[in-house]
């Protein structure tokens, strides 16, 4: 039985709506340079080598492995409009991330090809624009409901009961319930083809530029500079493997070591000891 099926049959504790985000110490506050891992459990287990193109493996096997290992993944909740303006689409994607800040760039991966091209992908390629909203706990069920494989003429906004807000620089609306949304324009895209069937397109990578931001006022930690959001208020949701989602309830801070002041003295000390 898969872990997903097991979790579906187990009795679960109730979701804690009012849980607070808290800061903790790092896992090993007394860690010193050169120590390495703080647990040696890894020494007792061998790594298994897997060829993604082996005859015994299928793309589905790789999909299940990768989506359960590359976690947690941020979710891009993407809104698009068809090129003729007659239909709009709303869907979440976890092949999504921030790629650069100057200019603001985002990557979005969409599976499928001709004959199986997602409405979101087709709309972006044809109109060159979209909006991306961040999903939070208070509307995760509604966002997940838009995953349904509805016909292209079905409006996911209405299915989910979410509220569209007009954008300023692109036609697609953004999600009013989201604490952070980005209006985007397509920079470039790349088509991917199967290694096993080279003629079959399996996906598309989109690189999108953020041209306008929308931030909920109570989320901002510095109202004058707008340089950060409060994680306790944002309550972001991320994807795990299968149908599993996760949320952020705690975090710890680890500063980036400065080589001259933090690292070089340790290196010099080690050399003098030798």
Protein backbone atom coordinates (compact mmCIF):
# COMPACT_ATOMS: atom_id res chain seq x y z
CA UNK A 1 0.00 0.00 0.00
CA UNK A 2 1.37 3.42 -0.92
CA UNK A 3 2.00 6.12 1.68
CA UNK A 4 -0.79 8.15 0.09
CA UNK A 5 -3.31 5.35 0.57
CA UNK A 6 -2.13 4.76 4.10
CA UNK A 7 -2.58 8.41 5.02
CA UNK A 8 -6.06 8.36 3.52
CA UNK A 9 -7.19 5.56 5.83
CA UNK A 10 -5.56 6.77 9.03
CA UNK A 11 -7.49 8.92 11.45
CA UNK A 12 -5.92 12.35 11.38
CA UNK A 13 -5.80 15.12 13.98
CA UNK A 14 -7.87 18.19 13.19
CA UNK A 15 -6.20 20.97 11.18
CA UNK A 16 -5.02 23.70 13.55
CA UNK A 17 -6.31 26.86 11.94
CA UNK A 18 -4.96 29.14 14.67
CA UNK A 19 -1.49 27.63 14.92
CA UNK A 20 1.27 30.25 15.14
CA UNK A 21 4.47 30.39 13.14
CA UNK A 22 7.41 30.18 15.54
CA UNK A 23 11.15 30.62 15.28
CA UNK A 24 13.29 27.82 16.72
CA UNK A 25 17.01 27.28 17.15
CA UNK A 26 18.85 25.61 14.24
CA UNK A 27 18.93 21.79 14.42
CA UNK A 28 22.48 21.90 15.83
CA UNK A 29 23.21 25.29 17.45
CA UNK A 30 26.70 24.17 18.52
CA UNK A 31 27.80 23.05 15.06
CA UNK A 32 31.37 24.11 14.22
CA UNK A 33 33.08 24.37 10.80
CA UNK A 34 34.29 21.06 9.44
CA UNK A 35 31.87 19.00 11.52
CA UNK A 36 29.76 17.90 8.59
CA UNK A 37 26.48 16.10 9.20
CA UNK A 38 25.23 15.98 12.78
CA UNK A 39 23.83 12.47 12.40
CA UNK A 40 25.70 9.40 11.13
CA UNK A 41 22.56 7.48 10.23
CA UNK A 42 23.47 7.95 6.56
CA UNK A 43 26.48 5.70 7.09
CA UNK A 44 24.20 2.72 7.72
CA UNK A 45 22.30 2.94 4.44
CA UNK A 46 23.63 2.57 0.92
CA UNK A 47 22.49 4.72 -1.99
CA UNK A 48 20.80 2.94 -4.88
CA UNK A 49 21.73 4.10 -8.38
CA UNK A 50 18.76 4.56 -10.72
CA UNK A 51 19.01 5.22 -14.44
CA UNK A 52 15.96 7.33 -15.41
CA UNK A 53 16.09 5.82 -18.90
CA UNK A 54 16.47 2.16 -17.90
CA UNK A 55 14.10 -0.29 -19.61
CA UNK A 56 12.56 -1.11 -16.25
CA UNK A 57 11.60 2.51 -15.53
CA UNK A 58 8.80 4.57 -16.99
CA UNK A 59 8.28 8.35 -17.08
CA UNK A 60 5.50 7.86 -14.52
CA UNK A 61 7.98 6.16 -12.16
CA UNK A 62 10.34 9.11 -12.52
CA UNK A 63 7.48 11.55 -11.97
CA UNK A 64 6.45 9.88 -8.71
CA UNK A 65 10.03 9.69 -7.47
CA UNK A 66 10.94 13.27 -8.35
CA UNK A 67 7.79 14.90 -6.97
CA UNK A 68 8.21 13.05 -3.68
CA UNK A 69 11.92 13.95 -3.42
CA UNK A 70 12.03 17.55 -4.63
CA UNK A 71 9.99 18.97 -1.78
CA UNK A 72 8.50 21.15 -0.56
CA UNK A 73 7.71 22.84 -3.88
CA UNK A 74 6.17 26.33 -4.05
CA UNK A 75 2.92 26.48 -5.98
CA UNK A 76 2.25 29.01 -8.72
CA UNK A 77 -1.50 29.66 -9.01
CA UNK A 78 -1.72 30.79 -12.63
CA UNK A 79 -4.49 32.83 -14.23
CA UNK A 80 -4.71 33.18 -18.02
CA UNK A 81 -7.14 34.31 -20.70
CA UNK A 82 -7.59 32.77 -24.16
CA UNK A 83 -6.26 34.72 -27.13
CA UNK A 84 -9.78 35.63 -28.28
CA UNK A 85 -10.73 36.75 -24.76
CA UNK A 86 -13.72 34.42 -24.55
CA UNK A 87 -12.49 32.09 -21.82
CA UNK A 88 -10.27 32.31 -18.76
CA UNK A 89 -8.34 29.62 -16.93
CA UNK A 90 -7.07 29.20 -13.37
CA UNK A 91 -4.80 26.35 -12.26
CA UNK A 92 -2.02 25.55 -9.74
CA UNK A 93 1.44 24.34 -10.80
CA UNK A 94 4.24 23.09 -8.56
CA UNK A 95 6.90 23.09 -11.29
CA UNK A 96 7.33 26.74 -10.33
CA UNK A 97 9.92 29.00 -8.74
CA UNK A 98 11.63 32.40 -8.57
CA UNK A 99 14.65 32.53 -10.91
CA UNK A 100 15.96 36.12 -10.64
CA UNK A 101 15.14 39.46 -9.01
CA UNK A 102 16.61 42.01 -11.46
CA UNK A 103 14.60 41.66 -13.57
CA UNK A 104 12.05 39.64 -11.56
CA UNK A 105 11.91 36.29 -13.37
CA UNK A 106 9.90 33.16 -12.69
CA UNK A 107 10.05 29.66 -14.15
CA UNK A 108 6.95 27.62 -14.85
CA UNK A 109 7.02 24.04 -16.10
CA UNK A 110 3.94 22.55 -17.76
CA UNK A 111 3.59 18.92 -18.79
CA UNK A 112 2.06 17.84 -22.10
CA UNK A 113 2.40 18.60 -25.77
CA UNK A 114 0.31 18.97 -28.93
CA UNK A 115 -3.05 17.31 -28.41
CA UNK A 116 -2.46 17.33 -24.65
CA UNK A 117 -1.37 20.94 -24.20
CA UNK A 118 -2.76 22.49 -21.02
CA UNK A 119 -5.03 25.51 -21.43
CA UNK A 120 -2.65 27.53 -19.27
CA UNK A 121 0.31 26.78 -21.53
CA UNK A 122 -1.62 27.46 -24.72
CA UNK A 123 -2.97 30.76 -23.39
CA UNK A 124 0.43 32.02 -22.27
CA UNK A 125 2.13 31.08 -25.54
CA UNK A 126 -0.58 32.84 -27.52
CA UNK A 127 -1.17 35.94 -25.36
CA UNK A 128 2.33 36.23 -23.80
CA UNK A 129 0.92 37.05 -20.35
CA UNK A 130 -0.55 35.67 -17.13
CA UNK A 131 -0.75 36.30 -13.39
CA UNK A 132 0.73 34.12 -10.66
CA UNK A 133 -0.68 34.11 -7.13
CA UNK A 134 0.74 32.47 -4.01
CA UNK A 135 -1.56 29.97 -2.28
CA UNK A 136 -2.19 30.24 1.46
CA UNK A 137 -4.01 28.00 3.94
CA UNK A 138 -7.30 29.89 3.86
CA UNK A 139 -8.08 29.02 0.25
CA UNK A 140 -6.11 25.81 -0.44
CA UNK A 141 -9.26 23.71 -0.94
CA UNK A 142 -10.58 26.16 -3.52
CA UNK A 143 -7.21 26.28 -5.30
CA UNK A 144 -6.94 22.49 -5.34
CA UNK A 145 -10.44 22.25 -6.85
CA UNK A 146 -9.20 24.02 -9.97
CA UNK A 147 -6.97 20.98 -10.68
CA UNK A 148 -9.94 19.23 -12.26
CA UNK A 149 -9.58 18.28 -15.92
CA UNK A 150 -12.46 20.50 -16.99
CA UNK A 151 -13.13 21.35 -20.67
CA UNK A 152 -11.48 24.56 -21.86
CA UNK A 153 -14.80 26.42 -21.88
CA UNK A 154 -15.40 25.77 -18.16
CA UNK A 155 -14.49 28.65 -15.84
CA UNK A 156 -12.38 27.39 -12.90
CA UNK A 157 -12.91 30.70 -11.10
CA UNK A 158 -16.60 29.88 -10.76
CA UNK A 159 -15.97 26.23 -9.90
CA UNK A 160 -13.70 27.22 -7.02
CA UNK A 161 -15.69 30.27 -5.91
CA UNK A 162 -12.60 32.48 -5.96
CA UNK A 163 -12.60 36.22 -6.60
CA UNK A 164 -10.87 37.73 -9.67
CA UNK A 165 -9.27 41.16 -9.32
CA UNK A 166 -8.42 43.30 -12.37
CA UNK A 167 -4.72 43.56 -13.20
CA UNK A 168 -2.98 46.77 -14.27
CA UNK A 169 -0.51 45.68 -16.97
CA UNK A 170 -1.89 42.36 -18.25
CA UNK A 171 -5.37 41.11 -19.16
CA UNK A 172 -5.62 38.04 -16.86
CA UNK A 173 -7.05 38.82 -13.43
CA UNK A 174 -5.30 37.82 -10.22
CA UNK A 175 -6.70 36.06 -7.15
CA UNK A 176 -8.15 38.47 -4.59
CA UNK A 177 -7.84 35.88 -1.80
CA UNK A 178 -4.07 35.61 -2.36
CA UNK A 179 -1.76 37.73 -0.20
CA UNK A 180 0.78 38.07 -3.02
CA UNK A 181 0.22 38.10 -6.78
CA UNK A 182 2.43 38.92 -9.75
CA UNK A 183 1.46 40.15 -13.19
CA UNK A 184 3.73 38.43 -15.71
CA UNK A 185 4.75 38.64 -19.35
CA UNK A 186 6.39 35.83 -21.28
CA UNK A 187 10.12 36.26 -21.94
CA UNK A 188 10.84 32.98 -23.69
CA UNK A 189 9.91 29.32 -23.69
CA UNK A 190 11.48 25.95 -24.47
CA UNK A 191 9.81 22.72 -25.58
CA UNK A 192 10.88 19.38 -24.08
CA UNK A 193 10.72 16.04 -25.92
CA UNK A 194 10.72 12.47 -24.62
CA UNK A 195 14.06 10.66 -24.56
CA UNK A 196 12.24 7.42 -25.36
CA UNK A 197 10.04 8.91 -28.07
CA UNK A 198 11.99 11.89 -29.48
CA UNK A 199 9.07 13.05 -31.65
CA UNK A 200 6.70 13.40 -28.69
CA UNK A 201 6.67 16.69 -26.82
CA UNK A 202 6.36 16.10 -23.07
CA UNK A 203 6.49 19.57 -21.62
CA UNK A 204 7.18 23.28 -21.92
CA UNK A 205 9.38 25.55 -19.81
CA UNK A 206 8.18 29.14 -19.57
CA UNK A 207 10.32 32.01 -18.33
CA UNK A 208 8.15 34.89 -17.17
CA UNK A 209 8.97 38.44 -16.12
CA UNK A 210 7.11 39.97 -13.20
CA UNK A 211 5.92 43.41 -14.33
CA UNK A 212 3.67 44.30 -11.40
CA UNK A 213 3.17 43.06 -7.82
CA UNK A 214 0.08 42.99 -5.60
CA UNK A 215 0.65 42.66 -1.83
CA UNK A 216 -1.95 42.47 0.92
CA UNK A 217 -1.26 45.42 3.20
CA UNK A 218 -1.39 43.57 6.53
CA UNK A 219 1.23 41.04 5.39
CA UNK A 220 4.02 43.58 4.97
CA UNK A 221 6.63 43.74 7.75
CA UNK A 222 7.96 47.12 6.59
CA UNK A 223 5.13 49.27 5.13
CA UNK A 224 7.59 51.94 3.94
CA UNK A 225 9.94 49.72 1.92
CA UNK A 226 7.73 46.71 1.13
CA UNK A 227 10.72 44.38 1.37
CA UNK A 228 9.25 41.44 3.26
CA UNK A 229 6.13 39.48 4.19
CA UNK A 230 5.31 38.04 7.60
CA UNK A 231 5.46 34.21 7.36
CA UNK A 232 3.01 33.84 10.24
CA UNK A 233 0.39 35.82 8.33
CA UNK A 234 1.22 34.53 4.84
CA UNK A 235 0.70 30.86 5.81
CA UNK A 236 2.01 29.53 2.46
CA UNK A 237 1.14 26.03 1.28
CA UNK A 238 3.56 23.83 -0.68
CA UNK A 239 3.36 20.54 -2.57
CA UNK A 240 4.86 17.23 -1.53
CA UNK A 241 4.52 13.93 -3.41
CA UNK A 242 1.25 12.43 -4.62
CA UNK A 243 -1.73 14.43 -3.34
CA UNK A 244 0.12 15.57 -0.22
CA UNK A 245 0.39 19.25 0.68
CA UNK A 246 2.34 20.84 3.52
CA UNK A 247 2.49 24.18 5.33
CA UNK A 248 5.14 26.22 7.15
CA UNK A 249 4.67 26.36 10.91
CA UNK A 250 8.19 27.04 12.15
CA UNK A 251 11.57 28.20 10.93
CA UNK A 252 15.13 28.81 12.08
CA UNK A 253 17.69 31.40 11.03
CA UNK A 254 21.17 30.58 9.73
CA UNK A 255 23.31 33.52 8.69
CA UNK A 256 25.49 33.34 5.59
CA UNK A 257 29.13 33.06 6.74
CA UNK A 258 31.43 35.85 5.60
CA UNK A 259 34.67 34.33 4.33
CA UNK A 260 37.07 36.97 5.68
CA UNK A 261 35.58 37.26 9.16
CA UNK A 262 34.07 33.79 9.73
CA UNK A 263 35.82 31.28 7.47
CA UNK A 264 39.38 32.52 6.93
CA UNK A 265 40.25 32.53 10.67
CA UNK A 266 39.16 28.89 10.91
CA UNK A 267 41.23 27.96 7.85
CA UNK A 268 44.30 29.80 9.22
CA UNK A 269 43.90 28.15 12.61
CA UNK A 270 43.76 24.70 11.05
CA UNK A 271 46.87 25.38 8.96
CA UNK A 272 48.80 26.61 12.00
CA UNK A 273 47.78 23.52 13.95
CA UNK A 274 49.10 21.27 11.16
